């Protein structure tokens, strides 16, 4: 029988629905529940002297960083907004030992009707070629994983405004259903400063058909934030930015009905509500 000790920080009080009590002499690892499109922060005792340990979850590498407590490691994990309802294992990368059972639970997403110019619903063949090029560009950006942790401490909201476009909402443009909304829209006056949510490296400064002008920041270990529909970017690709550094201004470029910021988050390719990060107490190494 193995002893499992498990500490966890919940997300917004909703992503994590249940944590089992203290675990001792259990034949199976502890279980948590996590809703579609949400993230949480795990702290798990692991042996070894490394600064970073690796795990596996949903076919992706998870990076655990040593914390100040001896032999305790922390990691941010998330599940995609369209992840199937299931029970998944988070395992140790080297030993393949099961560390945590994660029960993916359904989330409730709204339906949102949006009116936009017709070209943003049914693009021309030329515009579709551009859209496909831009999809490939994003795929290349997100496929490169920086193993070193760049983020430091808690994340912050990138702009103060009114939350309008709900994450995960099933969007209907001009009466036609499209992909779910993979970020949060924060309405604010045009040219309101937008700041980086945490330390990172700018890996994309783009101008796309649907999302307009945007900045993408790599925070390390498979975690990226997106800032779209900008009036203008203030940073360049390859630039190191700190939490709170201004990276651009609110705009309404691309498929936008008014000035706002589209704030997105990807964790190991999973589209996750960025507000999931704001109440997490992320410890530094």
Protein backbone atom coordinates (compact mmCIF):
# COMPACT_ATOMS: atom_id res chain seq x y z
CA UNK A 1 0.00 0.00 0.00
CA UNK A 2 1.29 3.43 -0.83
CA UNK A 3 0.81 6.65 1.05
CA UNK A 4 -0.58 9.54 -0.99
CA UNK A 5 -0.44 13.02 0.41
CA UNK A 6 -2.18 15.61 -1.67
CA UNK A 7 -2.60 19.36 -1.44
CA UNK A 8 -4.64 21.40 -3.86
CA UNK A 9 -5.73 24.94 -4.51
CA UNK A 10 -9.21 25.36 -6.00
CA UNK A 11 -10.27 27.44 -8.98
CA UNK A 12 -12.90 30.17 -8.38
CA UNK A 13 -14.74 27.81 -6.08
CA UNK A 14 -16.41 26.17 -9.08
CA UNK A 15 -13.82 24.38 -11.17
CA UNK A 16 -12.94 22.12 -8.28
CA UNK A 17 -16.12 20.66 -6.87
CA UNK A 18 -14.77 18.11 -4.43
CA UNK A 19 -11.49 17.29 -2.76
CA UNK A 20 -11.20 14.04 -0.85
CA UNK A 21 -9.95 14.20 2.78
CA UNK A 22 -6.38 13.48 3.88
CA UNK A 23 -5.10 10.37 2.15
CA UNK A 24 -3.24 7.66 4.01
CA UNK A 25 -2.63 4.02 3.16
CA UNK A 26 -4.79 4.18 0.05
CA UNK A 27 -4.61 1.66 -2.76
CA UNK A 28 -5.47 4.29 -5.38
CA UNK A 29 -4.47 7.94 -5.82
CA UNK A 30 -6.78 10.77 -4.71
CA UNK A 31 -9.47 12.10 -7.03
CA UNK A 32 -10.60 15.62 -7.86
CA UNK A 33 -13.34 16.97 -10.09
CA UNK A 34 -12.62 19.63 -12.70
CA UNK A 35 -15.14 21.20 -15.07
CA UNK A 36 -14.67 21.55 -18.81
CA UNK A 37 -12.70 24.68 -19.66
CA UNK A 38 -11.36 25.21 -16.15
CA UNK A 39 -7.92 25.09 -14.52
CA UNK A 40 -6.54 24.34 -11.10
CA UNK A 41 -3.23 24.24 -9.27
CA UNK A 42 -1.93 20.97 -7.86
CA UNK A 43 0.67 20.58 -5.12
CA UNK A 44 1.97 17.04 -4.75
CA UNK A 45 4.81 15.56 -2.67
CA UNK A 46 7.31 13.88 -4.99
CA UNK A 47 10.75 12.42 -4.29
CA UNK A 48 13.95 13.61 -5.94
CA UNK A 49 16.22 16.63 -5.99
CA UNK A 50 15.27 18.04 -9.38
CA UNK A 51 13.97 21.57 -9.74
CA UNK A 52 11.32 20.33 -12.17
CA UNK A 53 9.46 17.04 -12.45
CA UNK A 54 7.31 15.86 -15.35
CA UNK A 55 3.92 14.22 -15.43
CA UNK A 56 1.48 13.11 -18.14
CA UNK A 57 -2.15 14.13 -18.47
CA UNK A 58 -4.43 13.67 -21.49
CA UNK A 59 -1.42 12.80 -23.62
CA UNK A 60 0.47 16.00 -22.77
CA UNK A 61 3.51 16.68 -20.61
CA UNK A 62 2.78 18.42 -17.30
CA UNK A 63 5.59 20.32 -15.57
CA UNK A 64 5.80 20.28 -11.77
CA UNK A 65 8.07 22.91 -10.20
CA UNK A 66 9.72 22.41 -6.82
CA UNK A 67 8.24 24.68 -4.17
CA UNK A 68 9.81 26.01 -0.99
CA UNK A 69 8.40 23.10 1.01
CA UNK A 70 10.77 20.15 0.84
CA UNK A 71 9.86 17.60 -1.86
CA UNK A 72 6.61 19.39 -2.76
CA UNK A 73 5.99 20.27 -6.42
CA UNK A 74 3.29 22.45 -7.99
CA UNK A 75 1.71 22.45 -11.46
CA UNK A 76 -1.07 24.26 -13.31
CA UNK A 77 -3.40 21.93 -15.20
CA UNK A 78 -6.50 22.54 -17.28
CA UNK A 79 -9.05 20.70 -19.40
CA UNK A 80 -10.36 21.89 -22.75
CA UNK A 81 -13.84 23.38 -23.00
CA UNK A 82 -14.82 20.47 -25.28
CA UNK A 83 -13.05 17.72 -23.34
CA UNK A 84 -15.19 14.60 -23.01
CA UNK A 85 -16.72 13.70 -19.66
CA UNK A 86 -14.43 11.05 -18.24
CA UNK A 87 -12.00 10.08 -15.50
CA UNK A 88 -8.36 10.63 -16.45
CA UNK A 89 -5.09 9.84 -14.74
CA UNK A 90 -2.26 12.26 -14.10
CA UNK A 91 0.82 10.06 -13.99
CA UNK A 92 4.50 10.47 -13.18
CA UNK A 93 6.45 10.79 -16.43
CA UNK A 94 9.33 8.48 -15.52
CA UNK A 95 7.66 5.81 -13.38
CA UNK A 96 4.19 5.98 -14.97
CA UNK A 97 2.77 5.85 -11.43
CA UNK A 98 -0.71 7.34 -11.06
CA UNK A 99 -0.55 10.53 -8.99
CA UNK A 100 -4.07 11.96 -9.23
CA UNK A 101 -7.39 10.88 -10.71
CA UNK A 102 -9.08 13.82 -12.43
CA UNK A 103 -12.79 13.48 -13.07
CA UNK A 104 -13.77 15.78 -15.94
CA UNK A 105 -17.27 17.12 -15.34
CA UNK A 106 -19.65 19.04 -17.62
CA UNK A 107 -19.78 22.82 -17.61
CA UNK A 108 -22.70 25.04 -18.57
CA UNK A 109 -22.03 27.35 -21.50
CA UNK A 110 -24.31 30.08 -22.80
CA UNK A 111 -25.68 30.61 -26.29
CA UNK A 112 -24.79 34.01 -27.76
CA UNK A 113 -26.31 35.68 -30.83
CA UNK A 114 -23.96 38.10 -32.60
CA UNK A 115 -24.48 40.36 -35.64
CA UNK A 116 -21.41 41.07 -37.76
CA UNK A 117 -20.68 42.01 -41.40
CA UNK A 118 -21.42 39.08 -43.70
CA UNK A 119 -17.77 38.67 -44.75
CA UNK A 120 -16.98 37.51 -41.20
CA UNK A 121 -19.55 34.71 -41.46
CA UNK A 122 -19.00 33.53 -45.03
CA UNK A 123 -15.53 34.65 -46.14
CA UNK A 124 -14.57 34.66 -49.81
CA UNK A 125 -12.21 31.96 -51.16
CA UNK A 126 -9.34 34.45 -50.93
CA UNK A 127 -10.21 35.29 -47.36
CA UNK A 128 -10.49 31.60 -46.47
CA UNK A 129 -6.94 31.04 -47.71
CA UNK A 130 -5.81 33.81 -45.38
CA UNK A 131 -7.77 32.27 -42.48
CA UNK A 132 -6.13 28.89 -43.07
CA UNK A 133 -2.66 30.45 -43.17
CA UNK A 134 -3.38 32.15 -39.87
CA UNK A 135 -4.60 28.90 -38.30
CA UNK A 136 -1.33 27.26 -39.32
CA UNK A 137 0.62 30.18 -37.88
CA UNK A 138 -1.11 29.75 -34.50
CA UNK A 139 -0.59 25.99 -34.59
CA UNK A 140 3.15 26.50 -35.09
CA UNK A 141 3.32 29.00 -32.23
CA UNK A 142 1.50 26.76 -29.75
CA UNK A 143 3.37 23.61 -30.77
CA UNK A 144 6.65 24.94 -29.37
CA UNK A 145 6.78 24.29 -25.62
CA UNK A 146 9.30 26.13 -23.45
CA UNK A 147 10.24 23.73 -20.66
CA UNK A 148 11.44 26.50 -18.33
CA UNK A 149 8.82 28.21 -16.18
CA UNK A 150 8.63 31.92 -17.05
CA UNK A 151 5.45 32.94 -15.17
CA UNK A 152 5.95 34.18 -11.63
CA UNK A 153 3.26 34.23 -8.96
CA UNK A 154 -0.40 35.02 -9.50
CA UNK A 155 -1.86 36.14 -12.84
CA UNK A 156 -3.62 39.49 -13.22
CA UNK A 157 -6.44 40.75 -15.43
CA UNK A 158 -4.98 42.51 -18.49
CA UNK A 159 -7.50 45.36 -18.70
CA UNK A 160 -10.23 46.83 -16.53
CA UNK A 161 -13.62 46.80 -18.21
CA UNK A 162 -16.95 45.03 -18.59
CA UNK A 163 -16.98 41.28 -19.12
CA UNK A 164 -19.19 40.74 -22.19
CA UNK A 165 -18.36 37.66 -24.25
CA UNK A 166 -18.60 34.62 -22.03
CA UNK A 167 -16.00 31.91 -22.30
CA UNK A 168 -17.28 28.73 -23.95
CA UNK A 169 -20.49 30.33 -25.23
CA UNK A 170 -21.96 28.67 -28.30
CA UNK A 171 -21.85 31.58 -30.72
CA UNK A 172 -24.32 32.14 -33.53
CA UNK A 173 -23.17 34.77 -36.06
CA UNK A 174 -25.98 36.21 -38.19
CA UNK A 175 -28.06 33.10 -37.48
CA UNK A 176 -25.27 30.62 -38.31
CA UNK A 177 -23.64 28.50 -35.58
CA UNK A 178 -19.87 28.69 -35.31
CA UNK A 179 -17.12 27.43 -32.99
CA UNK A 180 -17.50 28.06 -29.25
CA UNK A 181 -15.93 31.20 -27.84
CA UNK A 182 -12.48 30.22 -26.59
CA UNK A 183 -11.71 33.33 -24.53
CA UNK A 184 -13.23 36.13 -22.47
CA UNK A 185 -14.23 39.47 -23.99
CA UNK A 186 -13.62 42.53 -21.82
CA UNK A 187 -15.20 45.72 -23.17
CA UNK A 188 -13.27 48.95 -22.62
CA UNK A 189 -12.83 52.25 -24.47
CA UNK A 190 -10.60 52.18 -27.52
CA UNK A 191 -6.92 52.79 -26.73
CA UNK A 192 -7.28 51.65 -23.13
CA UNK A 193 -3.87 50.15 -22.17
CA UNK A 194 -3.60 46.35 -22.15
CA UNK A 195 -0.96 44.71 -19.93
CA UNK A 196 0.65 41.29 -19.74
CA UNK A 197 -1.09 38.92 -17.30
CA UNK A 198 2.23 37.51 -16.12
CA UNK A 199 5.91 37.30 -17.00
CA UNK A 200 6.61 35.76 -20.38
CA UNK A 201 8.08 35.97 -23.86
CA UNK A 202 6.17 37.49 -26.77
CA UNK A 203 5.95 34.71 -29.37
CA UNK A 204 3.41 36.32 -31.69
CA UNK A 205 2.49 39.81 -32.89
CA UNK A 206 -0.21 39.19 -35.49
CA UNK A 207 -2.96 40.76 -37.57
CA UNK A 208 -5.56 38.11 -38.35
CA UNK A 209 -8.81 38.13 -40.29
CA UNK A 210 -11.09 37.08 -37.42
CA UNK A 211 -9.14 38.11 -34.32
CA UNK A 212 -7.56 41.30 -35.65
CA UNK A 213 -4.34 42.63 -34.22
CA UNK A 214 -3.02 40.56 -31.36
CA UNK A 215 -0.20 39.56 -29.06
CA UNK A 216 0.58 36.03 -27.84
CA UNK A 217 2.73 35.47 -24.76
CA UNK A 218 4.49 32.24 -23.83
CA UNK A 219 4.64 31.86 -20.04
CA UNK A 220 6.54 28.61 -20.23
CA UNK A 221 5.69 24.94 -19.74
CA UNK A 222 2.83 24.93 -22.26
CA UNK A 223 0.97 27.97 -20.90
CA UNK A 224 0.10 30.78 -23.34
CA UNK A 225 -2.11 33.88 -23.12
CA UNK A 226 -3.70 35.68 -26.09
CA UNK A 227 -4.69 39.35 -26.43
CA UNK A 228 -6.74 40.05 -29.57
CA UNK A 229 -8.71 42.81 -31.33
CA UNK A 230 -6.04 45.32 -30.31
CA UNK A 231 -5.93 48.81 -31.73
CA UNK A 232 -2.18 48.38 -31.88
CA UNK A 233 0.53 46.24 -30.28
CA UNK A 234 3.31 47.87 -28.28
CA UNK A 235 5.71 44.92 -28.17
CA UNK A 236 7.73 42.92 -30.66
CA UNK A 237 8.19 39.20 -31.17
CA UNK A 238 10.90 37.78 -28.92
CA UNK A 239 10.54 40.52 -26.31
CA UNK A 240 10.61 39.58 -22.62
CA UNK A 241 7.72 41.16 -20.72
CA UNK A 242 6.96 41.34 -17.03
CA UNK A 243 3.59 41.08 -15.35
CA UNK A 244 1.84 44.44 -15.79
CA UNK A 245 3.97 45.55 -18.77
CA UNK A 246 1.84 47.35 -21.35
CA UNK A 247 1.67 45.26 -24.52
CA UNK A 248 -0.92 47.22 -26.53
CA UNK A 249 -4.21 49.10 -26.56
CA UNK A 250 -7.84 47.99 -26.74
CA UNK A 251 -9.30 48.15 -30.25
CA UNK A 252 -11.98 46.58 -32.42
CA UNK A 253 -9.97 45.07 -35.26
CA UNK A 254 -11.07 41.83 -36.91
CA UNK A 255 -14.50 40.33 -36.20
CA UNK A 256 -15.51 42.70 -33.43
CA UNK A 257 -18.74 44.59 -32.82
CA UNK A 258 -17.06 47.24 -30.67
CA UNK A 259 -13.85 47.98 -28.77
CA UNK A 260 -12.90 45.15 -26.44
CA UNK A 261 -10.11 42.77 -25.54
CA UNK A 262 -10.36 39.07 -26.32
CA UNK A 263 -8.30 37.41 -23.58
CA UNK A 264 -7.49 33.76 -24.18
CA UNK A 265 -5.59 31.05 -22.32
CA UNK A 266 -4.13 27.75 -23.50
CA UNK A 267 -2.68 25.14 -21.17
CA UNK A 268 -0.99 22.32 -23.09
CA UNK A 269 -3.30 23.03 -26.01
CA UNK A 270 -6.46 23.07 -23.87
CA UNK A 271 -8.69 26.13 -24.26
CA UNK A 272 -9.30 27.28 -20.71
CA UNK A 273 -11.16 30.18 -19.13
CA UNK A 274 -8.42 32.74 -18.31
CA UNK A 275 -10.37 33.92 -15.26
CA UNK A 276 -9.60 30.45 -13.84
CA UNK A 277 -6.11 31.69 -13.07
CA UNK A 278 -6.99 34.85 -11.20
CA UNK A 279 -7.93 33.28 -7.84
CA UNK A 280 -5.26 30.61 -7.88
CA UNK A 281 -2.57 31.08 -5.25
CA UNK A 282 0.41 30.17 -7.38
CA UNK A 283 3.58 29.63 -5.40
CA UNK A 284 7.01 30.57 -6.66
CA UNK A 285 9.84 28.07 -6.59
